[in-house]
Amino acid sequence: MPETEFEYQEKIRRLVVKIVKHYRGRGPENVKVKLENDQLIIIEIRGILSNLSEILVKEGAVDLVAEYWKVLKPYLEKEFMDEVIETLGSPFTYTWKIYELCPSGQAIRIQLNKSV
């Protein structure tokens, strides 16, 4: 039985929460998964930054946080890539960006492109 769109989004959301908990020790505040089309998935994650990262971003040191993510990224990819590919059902490419979600906090936006 094929998954519904909601079930698919929920599988992705649960995996994202698991990944954040792995390195942060607790889950994100909010994870939104949006299926743009068959090939593009947009994930917005609030509460992914550590307390230190949140302070750095508030003080304008976004570049330091971005450098931290460049170091963390290969580790997370190594740990979870097979699970992500299994969940998505195909290989993919992705981009990510830290951005201002609202005046009270930042978030990370990840775009998964399944057309590899």
PDB file of N, CA and C in Angstrom:
ATOM      1  N   MET A   1       0.855  -1.185   0.000  1.00  0.00           N
ATOM      2  CA  MET A   1       0.000   0.000   0.000  1.00  0.00           C
ATOM      3  C   MET A   1       0.895   1.240   0.000  1.00  0.00           C
ATOM      4  N   PRO A   2       0.748   2.103  -0.978  1.00  0.00           N
ATOM      5  CA  PRO A   2       1.580   3.303  -1.045  1.00  0.00           C
ATOM      6  C   PRO A   2       1.279   4.250   0.117  1.00  0.00           C
ATOM      7  N   GLU A   3       2.321   4.981   0.519  1.00  0.00           N
ATOM      8  CA  GLU A   3       2.158   5.938   1.603  1.00  0.00           C
ATOM      9  C   GLU A   3       1.394   7.158   1.119  1.00  0.00           C
ATOM     10  N   THR A   4       0.641   7.733   2.027  1.00  0.00           N
ATOM     11  CA  THR A   4       0.008   9.001   1.702  1.00  0.00           C
ATOM     12  C   THR A   4       1.057  10.100   1.849  1.00  0.00           C
ATOM     13  N   GLU A   5       0.759  11.269   1.320  1.00  0.00           N
ATOM     14  CA  GLU A   5       1.664  12.410   1.426  1.00  0.00           C
ATOM     15  C   GLU A   5       1.938  12.735   2.895  1.00  0.00           C
ATOM     16  N   PHE A   6       0.889  12.677   3.716  1.00  0.00           N
ATOM     17  CA  PHE A   6       1.049  12.973   5.143  1.00  0.00           C
ATOM     18  C   PHE A   6       1.986  11.964   5.807  1.00  0.00           C
ATOM     19  N   GLU A   7       1.810  10.680   5.511  1.00  0.00           N
ATOM     20  CA  GLU A   7       2.674   9.646   6.102  1.00  0.00           C
ATOM     21  C   GLU A   7       4.135   9.847   5.692  1.00  0.00           C
ATOM     22  N   TYR A   8       4.342  10.207   4.441  1.00  0.00           N
ATOM     23  CA  TYR A   8       5.685  10.452   3.931  1.00  0.00           C
ATOM     24  C   TYR A   8       6.321  11.644   4.638  1.00  0.00           C
ATOM     25  N   GLN A   9       5.568  12.738   4.767  1.00  0.00           N
ATOM     26  CA  GLN A   9       6.059  13.925   5.474  1.00  0.00           C
ATOM     27  C   GLN A   9       6.388  13.579   6.928  1.00  0.00           C
ATOM     28  N   GLU A  10       5.545  12.778   7.549  1.00  0.00           N
ATOM     29  CA  GLU A  10       5.747  12.416   8.948  1.00  0.00           C
ATOM     30  C   GLU A  10       7.002  11.550   9.118  1.00  0.00           C
ATOM     31  N   LYS A  11       7.280  10.647   8.187  1.00  0.00           N
ATOM     32  CA  LYS A  11       8.499   9.836   8.245  1.00  0.00           C
ATOM     33  C   LYS A  11       9.736  10.734   8.172  1.00  0.00           C
ATOM     34  N   ILE A  12       9.706  11.711   7.291  1.00  0.00           N
ATOM     35  CA  ILE A  12      10.829  12.644   7.148  1.00  0.00           C
ATOM     36  C   ILE A  12      10.971  13.472   8.415  1.00  0.00           C
ATOM     37  N   ARG A  13       9.858  13.962   8.951  1.00  0.00           N
ATOM     38  CA  ARG A  13       9.882  14.780  10.162  1.00  0.00           C
ATOM     39  C   ARG A  13      10.477  13.995  11.334  1.00  0.00           C
ATOM     40  N   ARG A  14      10.058  12.742  11.513  1.00  0.00           N
ATOM     41  CA  ARG A  14      10.579  11.915  12.608  1.00  0.00           C
ATOM     42  C   ARG A  14      12.083  11.681  12.470  1.00  0.00           C
ATOM     43  N   LEU A  15      12.548  11.467  11.243  1.00  0.00           N
ATOM     44  CA  LEU A  15      13.979  11.269  11.018  1.00  0.00           C
ATOM     45  C   LEU A  15      14.764  12.546  11.347  1.00  0.00           C
ATOM     46  N   VAL A  16      14.246  13.698  10.953  1.00  0.00           N
ATOM     47  CA  VAL A  16      14.913  14.969  11.253  1.00  0.00           C
ATOM     48  C   VAL A  16      15.008  15.166  12.768  1.00  0.00           C
ATOM     49  N   VAL A  17      13.938  14.883  13.497  1.00  0.00           N
ATOM     50  CA  VAL A  17      13.948  15.015  14.957  1.00  0.00           C
ATOM     51  C   VAL A  17      15.009  14.079  15.546  1.00  0.00           C
ATOM     52  N   LYS A  18      15.097  12.870  15.037  1.00  0.00           N
ATOM     53  CA  LYS A  18      16.094  11.906  15.519  1.00  0.00           C
ATOM     54  C   LYS A  18      17.515  12.419  15.298  1.00  0.00           C
ATOM     55  N   ILE A  19      17.781  13.000  14.135  1.00  0.00           N
ATOM     56  CA  ILE A  19      19.111  13.522  13.831  1.00  0.00           C
ATOM     57  C   ILE A  19      19.452  14.681  14.759  1.00  0.00           C
ATOM     58  N   VAL A  20      18.505  15.598  14.967  1.00  0.00           N
ATOM     59  CA  VAL A  20      18.763  16.744  15.850  1.00  0.00           C
ATOM     60  C   VAL A  20      19.016  16.262  17.277  1.00  0.00           C
ATOM     61  N   LYS A  21      18.217  15.318  17.756  1.00  0.00           N
ATOM     62  CA  LYS A  21      18.410  14.794  19.108  1.00  0.00           C
ATOM     63  C   LYS A  21      19.783  14.151  19.260  1.00  0.00           C
ATOM     64  N   HIS A  22      20.276  13.537  18.204  1.00  0.00           N
ATOM     65  CA  HIS A  22      21.562  12.844  18.253  1.00  0.00           C
ATOM     66  C   HIS A  22      22.694  13.786  18.610  1.00  0.00           C
ATOM     67  N   TYR A  23      22.756  14.954  17.997  1.00  0.00           N
ATOM     68  CA  TYR A  23      23.884  15.850  18.266  1.00  0.00           C
ATOM     69  C   TYR A  23      23.571  16.911  19.309  1.00  0.00           C
ATOM     70  N   ARG A  24      22.304  17.235  19.507  1.00  0.00           N
ATOM     71  CA  ARG A  24      21.955  18.314  20.434  1.00  0.00           C
ATOM     72  C   ARG A  24      21.567  17.785  21.806  1.00  0.00           C
ATOM     73  N   GLY A  25      21.149  16.528  21.868  1.00  0.00           N
ATOM     74  CA  GLY A  25      20.733  15.947  23.132  1.00  0.00           C
ATOM     75  C   GLY A  25      19.259  16.144  23.437  1.00  0.00           C
ATOM     76  N   ARG A  26      18.601  16.912  22.609  1.00  0.00           N
ATOM     77  CA  ARG A  26      17.150  17.112  22.738  1.00  0.00           C
ATOM     78  C   ARG A  26      16.611  17.468  21.359  1.00  0.00           C
ATOM     79  N   GLY A  27      15.337  17.383  21.239  1.00  0.00           N
ATOM     80  CA  GLY A  27      14.740  17.614  19.929  1.00  0.00           C
ATOM     81  C   GLY A  27      14.597  19.079  19.587  1.00  0.00           C
ATOM     82  N   PRO A  28      14.307  19.345  18.332  1.00  0.00           N
ATOM     83  CA  PRO A  28      14.052  20.726  17.904  1.00  0.00           C
ATOM     84  C   PRO A  28      12.698  21.188  18.418  1.00  0.00           C
ATOM     85  N   GLU A  29      12.497  22.488  18.416  1.00  0.00           N
ATOM     86  CA  GLU A  29      11.212  23.046  18.847  1.00  0.00           C
ATOM     87  C   GLU A  29      10.119  22.760  17.826  1.00  0.00           C
ATOM     88  N   ASN A  30      10.500  22.782  16.548  1.00  0.00           N
ATOM     89  CA  ASN A  30       9.492  22.668  15.504  1.00  0.00           C
ATOM     90  C   ASN A  30      10.155  22.174  14.219  1.00  0.00           C
ATOM     91  N   VAL A  31       9.547  21.200  13.572  1.00  0.00           N
ATOM     92  CA  VAL A  31      10.025  20.719  12.276  1.00  0.00           C
ATOM     93  C   VAL A  31       8.840  20.746  11.314  1.00  0.00           C
ATOM     94  N   LYS A  32       9.004  21.455  10.221  1.00  0.00           N
ATOM     95  CA  LYS A  32       7.975  21.493   9.183  1.00  0.00           C
ATOM     96  C   LYS A  32       8.543  20.877   7.916  1.00  0.00           C
ATOM     97  N   VAL A  33       7.784  19.980   7.321  1.00  0.00           N
ATOM     98  CA  VAL A  33       8.193  19.334   6.070  1.00  0.00           C
ATOM     99  C   VAL A  33       7.162  19.696   5.012  1.00  0.00           C
ATOM    100  N   LYS A  34       7.647  20.225   3.912  1.00  0.00           N
ATOM    101  CA  LYS A  34       6.760  20.640   2.824  1.00  0.00           C
ATOM    102  C   LYS A  34       7.212  19.951   1.544  1.00  0.00           C
ATOM    103  N   LEU A  35       6.297  19.251   0.894  1.00  0.00           N
ATOM    104  CA  LEU A  35       6.592  18.609  -0.382  1.00  0.00           C
ATOM    105  C   LEU A  35       6.208  19.574  -1.493  1.00  0.00           C
ATOM    106  N   GLU A  36       7.213  20.177  -2.111  1.00  0.00           N
ATOM    107  CA  GLU A  36       6.948  21.135  -3.190  1.00  0.00           C
ATOM    108  C   GLU A  36       6.432  20.411  -4.435  1.00  0.00           C
ATOM    109  N   ASN A  37       7.076  19.302  -4.747  1.00  0.00           N
ATOM    110  CA  ASN A  37       6.669  18.443  -5.854  1.00  0.00           C
ATOM    111  C   ASN A  37       7.325  17.090  -5.632  1.00  0.00           C
ATOM    112  N   ASP A  38       7.313  16.214  -6.631  1.00  0.00           N
ATOM    113  CA  ASP A  38       7.897  14.882  -6.460  1.00  0.00           C
ATOM    114  C   ASP A  38       9.394  14.920  -6.208  1.00  0.00           C
ATOM    115  N   GLN A  39      10.050  15.996  -6.609  1.00  0.00           N
ATOM    116  CA  GLN A  39      11.511  16.061  -6.536  1.00  0.00           C
ATOM    117  C   GLN A  39      12.059  16.966  -5.443  1.00  0.00           C
ATOM    118  N   LEU A  40      11.274  17.911  -4.934  1.00  0.00           N
ATOM    119  CA  LEU A  40      11.782  18.904  -3.990  1.00  0.00           C
ATOM    120  C   LEU A  40      11.041  18.832  -2.654  1.00  0.00           C
ATOM    121  N   ILE A  41      11.829  18.685  -1.594  1.00  0.00           N
ATOM    122  CA  ILE A  41      11.294  18.645  -0.236  1.00  0.00           C
ATOM    123  C   ILE A  41      11.969  19.766   0.544  1.00  0.00           C
ATOM    124  N   ILE A  42      11.178  20.576   1.235  1.00  0.00           N
ATOM    125  CA  ILE A  42      11.723  21.671   2.036  1.00  0.00           C
ATOM    126  C   ILE A  42      11.454  21.368   3.505  1.00  0.00           C
ATOM    127  N   ILE A  43      12.519  21.416   4.299  1.00  0.00           N
ATOM    128  CA  ILE A  43      12.425  21.149   5.733  1.00  0.00           C
ATOM    129  C   ILE A  43      12.857  22.412   6.464  1.00  0.00           C
ATOM    130  N   GLU A  44      12.016  22.889   7.365  1.00  0.00           N
ATOM    131  CA  GLU A  44      12.360  24.030   8.208  1.00  0.00           C
ATOM    132  C   GLU A  44      12.425  23.531   9.643  1.00  0.00           C
ATOM    133  N   ILE A  45      13.540  23.839  10.301  1.00  0.00           N
ATOM    134  CA  ILE A  45      13.770  23.337  11.654  1.00  0.00           C
ATOM    135  C   ILE A  45      14.065  24.511  12.573  1.00  0.00           C
ATOM    136  N   ARG A  46      13.207  24.696  13.566  1.00  0.00           N
ATOM    137  CA  ARG A  46      13.425  25.696  14.612  1.00  0.00           C
ATOM    138  C   ARG A  46      13.924  24.987  15.847  1.00  0.00           C
ATOM    139  N   GLY A  47      14.857  25.592  16.540  1.00  0.00           N
ATOM    140  CA  GLY A  47      15.359  24.971  17.762  1.00  0.00           C
ATOM    141  C   GLY A  47      16.475  23.990  17.496  1.00  0.00           C
ATOM    142  N   ILE A  48      17.137  24.126  16.357  1.00  0.00           N
ATOM    143  CA  ILE A  48      18.230  23.232  16.016  1.00  0.00           C
ATOM    144  C   ILE A  48      19.556  23.732  16.562  1.00  0.00           C
ATOM    145  N   LEU A  49      19.643  25.031  16.810  1.00  0.00           N
ATOM    146  CA  LEU A  49      20.897  25.614  17.275  1.00  0.00           C
ATOM    147  C   LEU A  49      21.071  25.408  18.778  1.00  0.00           C
ATOM    148  N   SER A  50      22.297  25.151  19.181  1.00  0.00           N
ATOM    149  CA  SER A  50      22.596  25.067  20.606  1.00  0.00           C
ATOM    150  C   SER A  50      22.452  26.459  21.213  1.00  0.00           C
ATOM    151  N   ASN A  51      22.442  26.527  22.534  1.00  0.00           N
ATOM    152  CA  ASN A  51      22.344  27.831  23.196  1.00  0.00           C
ATOM    153  C   ASN A  51      23.502  28.731  22.791  1.00  0.00           C
ATOM    154  N   LEU A  52      24.699  28.167  22.705  1.00  0.00           N
ATOM    155  CA  LEU A  52      25.862  28.947  22.297  1.00  0.00           C
ATOM    156  C   LEU A  52      25.689  29.463  20.874  1.00  0.00           C
ATOM    157  N   SER A  53      25.232  28.616  19.969  1.00  0.00           N
ATOM    158  CA  SER A  53      25.021  29.039  18.581  1.00  0.00           C
ATOM    159  C   SER A  53      23.982  30.152  18.501  1.00  0.00           C
ATOM    160  N   GLU A  54      22.926  30.053  19.297  1.00  0.00           N
ATOM    161  CA  GLU A  54      21.897  31.092  19.298  1.00  0.00           C
ATOM    162  C   GLU A  54      22.485  32.431  19.745  1.00  0.00           C
ATOM    163  N   ILE A  55      23.352  32.410  20.757  1.00  0.00           N
ATOM    164  CA  ILE A  55      24.004  33.643  21.218  1.00  0.00           C
ATOM    165  C   ILE A  55      24.887  34.207  20.110  1.00  0.00           C
ATOM    166  N   LEU A  56      25.671  33.346  19.466  1.00  0.00           N
ATOM    167  CA  LEU A  56      26.549  33.800  18.386  1.00  0.00           C
ATOM    168  C   LEU A  56      25.751  34.437  17.255  1.00  0.00           C
ATOM    169  N   VAL A  57      24.636  33.826  16.872  1.00  0.00           N
ATOM    170  CA  VAL A  57      23.807  34.373  15.798  1.00  0.00           C
ATOM    171  C   VAL A  57      23.239  35.724  16.211  1.00  0.00           C
ATOM    172  N   LYS A  58      22.739  35.837  17.449  1.00  0.00           N
ATOM    173  CA  LYS A  58      22.194  37.112  17.939  1.00  0.00           C
ATOM    174  C   LYS A  58      23.251  38.211  17.918  1.00  0.00           C
ATOM    175  N   GLU A  59      24.482  37.847  18.190  1.00  0.00           N
ATOM    176  CA  GLU A  59      25.575  38.824  18.244  1.00  0.00           C
ATOM    177  C   GLU A  59      26.204  39.071  16.875  1.00  0.00           C
ATOM    178  N   GLY A  60      25.630  38.469  15.844  1.00  0.00           N
ATOM    179  CA  GLY A  60      26.096  38.728  14.493  1.00  0.00           C
ATOM    180  C   GLY A  60      27.210  37.812  14.001  1.00  0.00           C
ATOM    181  N   ALA A  61      27.479  36.743  14.724  1.00  0.00           N
ATOM    182  CA  ALA A  61      28.561  35.824  14.347  1.00  0.00           C
ATOM    183  C   ALA A  61      28.018  34.607  13.597  1.00  0.00           C
ATOM    184  N   VAL A  62      27.145  34.857  12.638  1.00  0.00           N
ATOM    185  CA  VAL A  62      26.540  33.775  11.858  1.00  0.00           C
ATOM    186  C   VAL A  62      27.611  32.971  11.134  1.00  0.00           C
ATOM    187  N   ASP A  63      28.684  33.645  10.718  1.00  0.00           N
ATOM    188  CA  ASP A  63      29.762  32.938  10.017  1.00  0.00           C
ATOM    189  C   ASP A  63      30.395  31.863  10.890  1.00  0.00           C
ATOM    190  N   LEU A  64      30.539  32.132  12.191  1.00  0.00           N
ATOM    191  CA  LEU A  64      31.096  31.115  13.095  1.00  0.00           C
ATOM    192  C   LEU A  64      30.173  29.902  13.190  1.00  0.00           C
ATOM    193  N   VAL A  65      28.883  30.151  13.258  1.00  0.00           N
ATOM    194  CA  VAL A  65      27.917  29.055  13.327  1.00  0.00           C
ATOM    195  C   VAL A  65      27.940  28.274  12.010  1.00  0.00           C
ATOM    196  N   ALA A  66      28.043  28.971  10.893  1.00  0.00           N
ATOM    197  CA  ALA A  66      28.111  28.303   9.592  1.00  0.00           C
ATOM    198  C   ALA A  66      29.373  27.440   9.502  1.00  0.00           C
ATOM    199  N   GLU A  67      30.490  27.920  10.035  1.00  0.00           N
ATOM    200  CA  GLU A  67      31.728  27.126  10.050  1.00  0.00           C
ATOM    201  C   GLU A  67      31.558  25.870  10.903  1.00  0.00           C
ATOM    202  N   TYR A  68      30.901  26.012  12.035  1.00  0.00           N
ATOM    203  CA  TYR A  68      30.608  24.877  12.910  1.00  0.00           C
ATOM    204  C   TYR A  68      29.806  23.818  12.151  1.00  0.00           C
ATOM    205  N   TRP A  69      28.805  24.267  11.394  1.00  0.00           N
ATOM    206  CA  TRP A  69      27.970  23.333  10.631  1.00  0.00           C
ATOM    207  C   TRP A  69      28.767  22.641   9.532  1.00  0.00           C
ATOM    208  N   LYS A  70      29.764  23.335   8.983  1.00  0.00           N
ATOM    209  CA  LYS A  70      30.601  22.698   7.957  1.00  0.00           C
ATOM    210  C   LYS A  70      31.397  21.532   8.546  1.00  0.00           C
ATOM    211  N   VAL A  71      31.784  21.653   9.809  1.00  0.00           N
ATOM    212  CA  VAL A  71      32.492  20.571  10.488  1.00  0.00           C
ATOM    213  C   VAL A  71      31.525  19.452  10.872  1.00  0.00           C
ATOM    214  N   LEU A  72      30.348  19.824  11.347  1.00  0.00           N
ATOM    215  CA  LEU A  72      29.360  18.849  11.799  1.00  0.00           C
ATOM    216  C   LEU A  72      28.722  18.087  10.641  1.00  0.00           C
ATOM    217  N   LYS A  73      28.569  18.735   9.507  1.00  0.00           N
ATOM    218  CA  LYS A  73      27.866  18.160   8.356  1.00  0.00           C
ATOM    219  C   LYS A  73      28.411  16.787   7.930  1.00  0.00           C
ATOM    220  N   PRO A  74      29.728  16.617   7.727  1.00  0.00           N
ATOM    221  CA  PRO A  74      30.215  15.289   7.312  1.00  0.00           C
ATOM    222  C   PRO A  74      29.937  14.200   8.351  1.00  0.00           C
ATOM    223  N   TYR A  75      30.003  14.562   9.618  1.00  0.00           N
ATOM    224  CA  TYR A  75      29.708  13.602  10.679  1.00  0.00           C
ATOM    225  C   TYR A  75      28.251  13.143  10.604  1.00  0.00           C
ATOM    226  N   LEU A  76      27.331  14.105  10.495  1.00  0.00           N
ATOM    227  CA  LEU A  76      25.913  13.752  10.416  1.00  0.00           C
ATOM    228  C   LEU A  76      25.612  12.969   9.146  1.00  0.00           C
ATOM    229  N   GLU A  77      26.251  13.349   8.038  1.00  0.00           N
ATOM    230  CA  GLU A  77      26.042  12.615   6.788  1.00  0.00           C
ATOM    231  C   GLU A  77      26.490  11.167   6.940  1.00  0.00           C
ATOM    232  N   LYS A  78      27.633  10.953   7.549  1.00  0.00           N
ATOM    233  CA  LYS A  78      28.151   9.604   7.734  1.00  0.00           C
ATOM    234  C   LYS A  78      27.202   8.777   8.606  1.00  0.00           C
ATOM    235  N   GLU A  79      26.708   9.370   9.673  1.00  0.00           N
ATOM    236  CA  GLU A  79      25.856   8.653  10.618  1.00  0.00           C
ATOM    237  C   GLU A  79      24.465   8.327  10.070  1.00  0.00           C
ATOM    238  N   PHE A  80      23.906   9.214   9.252  1.00  0.00           N
ATOM    239  CA  PHE A  80      22.490   9.092   8.915  1.00  0.00           C
ATOM    240  C   PHE A  80      22.165   8.988   7.423  1.00  0.00           C
ATOM    241  N   MET A  81      23.157   9.053   6.546  1.00  0.00           N
ATOM    242  CA  MET A  81      22.865   9.102   5.111  1.00  0.00           C
ATOM    243  C   MET A  81      22.057   7.897   4.620  1.00  0.00           C
ATOM    244  N   ASP A  82      22.407   6.699   5.045  1.00  0.00           N
ATOM    245  CA  ASP A  82      21.661   5.522   4.600  1.00  0.00           C
ATOM    246  C   ASP A  82      20.199   5.590   5.024  1.00  0.00           C
ATOM    247  N   GLU A  83      19.946   6.063   6.265  1.00  0.00           N
ATOM    248  CA  GLU A  83      18.564   6.191   6.743  1.00  0.00           C
ATOM    249  C   GLU A  83      17.786   7.221   5.933  1.00  0.00           C
ATOM    250  N   VAL A  84      18.448   8.338   5.599  1.00  0.00           N
ATOM    251  CA  VAL A  84      17.775   9.381   4.833  1.00  0.00           C
ATOM    252  C   VAL A  84      17.442   8.863   3.432  1.00  0.00           C
ATOM    253  N   ILE A  85      18.399   8.198   2.788  1.00  0.00           N
ATOM    254  CA  ILE A  85      18.146   7.651   1.442  1.00  0.00           C
ATOM    255  C   ILE A  85      17.009   6.631   1.490  1.00  0.00           C
ATOM    256  N   GLU A  86      17.011   5.788   2.520  1.00  0.00           N
ATOM    257  CA  GLU A  86      15.932   4.797   2.658  1.00  0.00           C
ATOM    258  C   GLU A  86      14.578   5.483   2.855  1.00  0.00           C
ATOM    259  N   THR A  87      14.544   6.526   3.677  1.00  0.00           N
ATOM    260  CA  THR A  87      13.298   7.247   3.941  1.00  0.00           C
ATOM    261  C   THR A  87      12.791   7.949   2.683  1.00  0.00           C
ATOM    262  N   LEU A  88      13.712   8.594   1.942  1.00  0.00           N
ATOM    263  CA  LEU A  88      13.312   9.315   0.735  1.00  0.00           C
ATOM    264  C   LEU A  88      13.041   8.380  -0.434  1.00  0.00           C
ATOM    265  N   GLY A  89      13.681   7.228  -0.427  1.00  0.00           N
ATOM    266  CA  GLY A  89      13.475   6.266  -1.507  1.00  0.00           C
ATOM    267  C   GLY A  89      14.379   6.493  -2.701  1.00  0.00           C
ATOM    268  N   SER A  90      15.328   7.424  -2.595  1.00  0.00           N
ATOM    269  CA  SER A  90      16.261   7.674  -3.699  1.00  0.00           C
ATOM    270  C   SER A  90      17.408   8.538  -3.208  1.00  0.00           C
ATOM    271  N   PRO A  91      18.516   8.553  -3.961  1.00  0.00           N
ATOM    272  CA  PRO A  91      19.593   9.490  -3.622  1.00  0.00           C
ATOM    273  C   PRO A  91      19.106  10.932  -3.823  1.00  0.00           C
ATOM    274  N   PHE A  92      19.856  11.890  -3.287  1.00  0.00           N
ATOM    275  CA  PHE A  92      19.419  13.278  -3.346  1.00  0.00           C
ATOM    276  C   PHE A  92      20.616  14.197  -3.158  1.00  0.00           C
ATOM    277  N   THR A  93      20.405  15.445  -3.467  1.00  0.00           N
ATOM    278  CA  THR A  93      21.342  16.499  -3.107  1.00  0.00           C
ATOM    279  C   THR A  93      20.593  17.430  -2.169  1.00  0.00           C
ATOM    280  N   TYR A  94      21.346  18.243  -1.445  1.00  0.00           N
ATOM    281  CA  TYR A  94      20.661  19.181  -0.561  1.00  0.00           C
ATOM    282  C   TYR A  94      21.477  20.438  -0.354  1.00  0.00           C
ATOM    283  N   THR A  95      20.767  21.484   0.045  1.00  0.00           N
ATOM    284  CA  THR A  95      21.382  22.732   0.463  1.00  0.00           C
ATOM    285  C   THR A  95      20.744  23.119   1.793  1.00  0.00           C
ATOM    286  N   TRP A  96      21.476  23.906   2.575  1.00  0.00           N
ATOM    287  CA  TRP A  96      20.920  24.355   3.843  1.00  0.00           C
ATOM    288  C   TRP A  96      21.362  25.781   4.105  1.00  0.00           C
ATOM    289  N   LYS A  97      20.566  26.468   4.920  1.00  0.00           N
ATOM    290  CA  LYS A  97      20.859  27.857   5.224  1.00  0.00           C
ATOM    291  C   LYS A  97      20.267  28.199   6.586  1.00  0.00           C
ATOM    292  N   ILE A  98      21.031  28.928   7.387  1.00  0.00           N
ATOM    293  CA  ILE A  98      20.512  29.469   8.637  1.00  0.00           C
ATOM    294  C   ILE A  98      19.798  30.762   8.280  1.00  0.00           C
ATOM    295  N   TYR A  99      18.601  30.943   8.779  1.00  0.00           N
ATOM    296  CA  TYR A  99      17.880  32.175   8.480  1.00  0.00           C
ATOM    297  C   TYR A  99      17.035  32.604   9.664  1.00  0.00           C
ATOM    298  N   GLU A 100      16.577  33.814   9.609  1.00  0.00           N
ATOM    299  CA  GLU A 100      15.749  34.408  10.655  1.00  0.00           C
ATOM    300  C   GLU A 100      14.311  33.975  10.426  1.00  0.00           C
ATOM    301  N   LEU A 101      13.809  33.130  11.313  1.00  0.00           N
ATOM    302  CA  LEU A 101      12.438  32.640  11.181  1.00  0.00           C
ATOM    303  C   LEU A 101      11.443  33.697  11.659  1.00  0.00           C
ATOM    304  N   CYS A 102      11.754  34.286  12.782  1.00  0.00           N
ATOM    305  CA  CYS A 102      10.915  35.331  13.361  1.00  0.00           C
ATOM    306  C   CYS A 102      11.814  36.142  14.285  1.00  0.00           C
ATOM    307  N   PRO A 103      11.347  37.246  14.794  1.00  0.00           N
ATOM    308  CA  PRO A 103      12.216  38.069  15.646  1.00  0.00           C
ATOM    309  C   PRO A 103      12.769  37.317  16.863  1.00  0.00           C
ATOM    310  N   SER A 104      12.079  36.273  17.310  1.00  0.00           N
ATOM    311  CA  SER A 104      12.516  35.592  18.531  1.00  0.00           C
ATOM    312  C   SER A 104      13.419  34.390  18.274  1.00  0.00           C
ATOM    313  N   GLY A 105      13.721  34.067  17.019  1.00  0.00           N
ATOM    314  CA  GLY A 105      14.583  32.908  16.847  1.00  0.00           C
ATOM    315  C   GLY A 105      14.959  32.603  15.420  1.00  0.00           C
ATOM    316  N   GLN A 106      16.022  31.839  15.300  1.00  0.00           N
ATOM    317  CA  GLN A 106      16.520  31.436  14.004  1.00  0.00           C
ATOM    318  C   GLN A 106      16.100  30.004  13.701  1.00  0.00           C
ATOM    319  N   ALA A 107      16.323  29.626  12.457  1.00  0.00           N
ATOM    320  CA  ALA A 107      15.996  28.276  12.029  1.00  0.00           C
ATOM    321  C   ALA A 107      16.964  27.879  10.928  1.00  0.00           C
ATOM    322  N   ILE A 108      16.899  26.641  10.572  1.00  0.00           N
ATOM    323  CA  ILE A 108      17.663  26.147   9.437  1.00  0.00           C
ATOM    324  C   ILE A 108      16.661  25.626   8.417  1.00  0.00           C
ATOM    325  N   ARG A 109      16.909  25.980   7.176  1.00  0.00           N
ATOM    326  CA  ARG A 109      16.057  25.523   6.080  1.00  0.00           C
ATOM    327  C   ARG A 109      16.898  24.592   5.214  1.00  0.00           C
ATOM    328  N   ILE A 110      16.398  23.396   5.002  1.00  0.00           N
ATOM    329  CA  ILE A 110      17.093  22.403   4.185  1.00  0.00           C
ATOM    330  C   ILE A 110      16.216  22.091   2.992  1.00  0.00           C
ATOM    331  N   GLN A 111      16.819  22.127   1.812  1.00  0.00           N
ATOM    332  CA  GLN A 111      16.101  21.746   0.587  1.00  0.00           C
ATOM    333  C   GLN A 111      16.710  20.460   0.072  1.00  0.00           C
ATOM    334  N   LEU A 112      15.883  19.433  -0.034  1.00  0.00           N
ATOM    335  CA  LEU A 112      16.308  18.144  -0.569  1.00  0.00           C
ATOM    336  C   LEU A 112      15.827  18.053  -2.003  1.00  0.00           C
ATOM    337  N   ASN A 113      16.736  17.752  -2.907  1.00  0.00           N
ATOM    338  CA  ASN A 113      16.386  17.620  -4.316  1.00  0.00           C
ATOM    339  C   ASN A 113      16.622  16.167  -4.705  1.00  0.00           C
ATOM    340  N   LYS A 114      15.560  15.439  -4.987  1.00  0.00           N
ATOM    341  CA  LYS A 114      15.657  14.023  -5.293  1.00  0.00           C
ATOM    342  C   LYS A 114      16.055  13.731  -6.731  1.00  0.00           C
ATOM    343  N   SER A 115      16.178  14.728  -7.576  1.00  0.00           N
ATOM    344  CA  SER A 115      16.495  14.477  -8.989  1.00  0.00           C
ATOM    345  C   SER A 115      17.997  14.384  -9.191  1.00  0.00           C
ATOM    346  N   VAL A 116      18.581  13.303  -8.713  1.00  0.00           N
ATOM    347  CA  VAL A 116      20.017  13.090  -8.833  1.00  0.00           C
ATOM    348  C   VAL A 116      20.276  12.139  -9.988  1.00  0.00           C
TER     349      VAL A 116
END
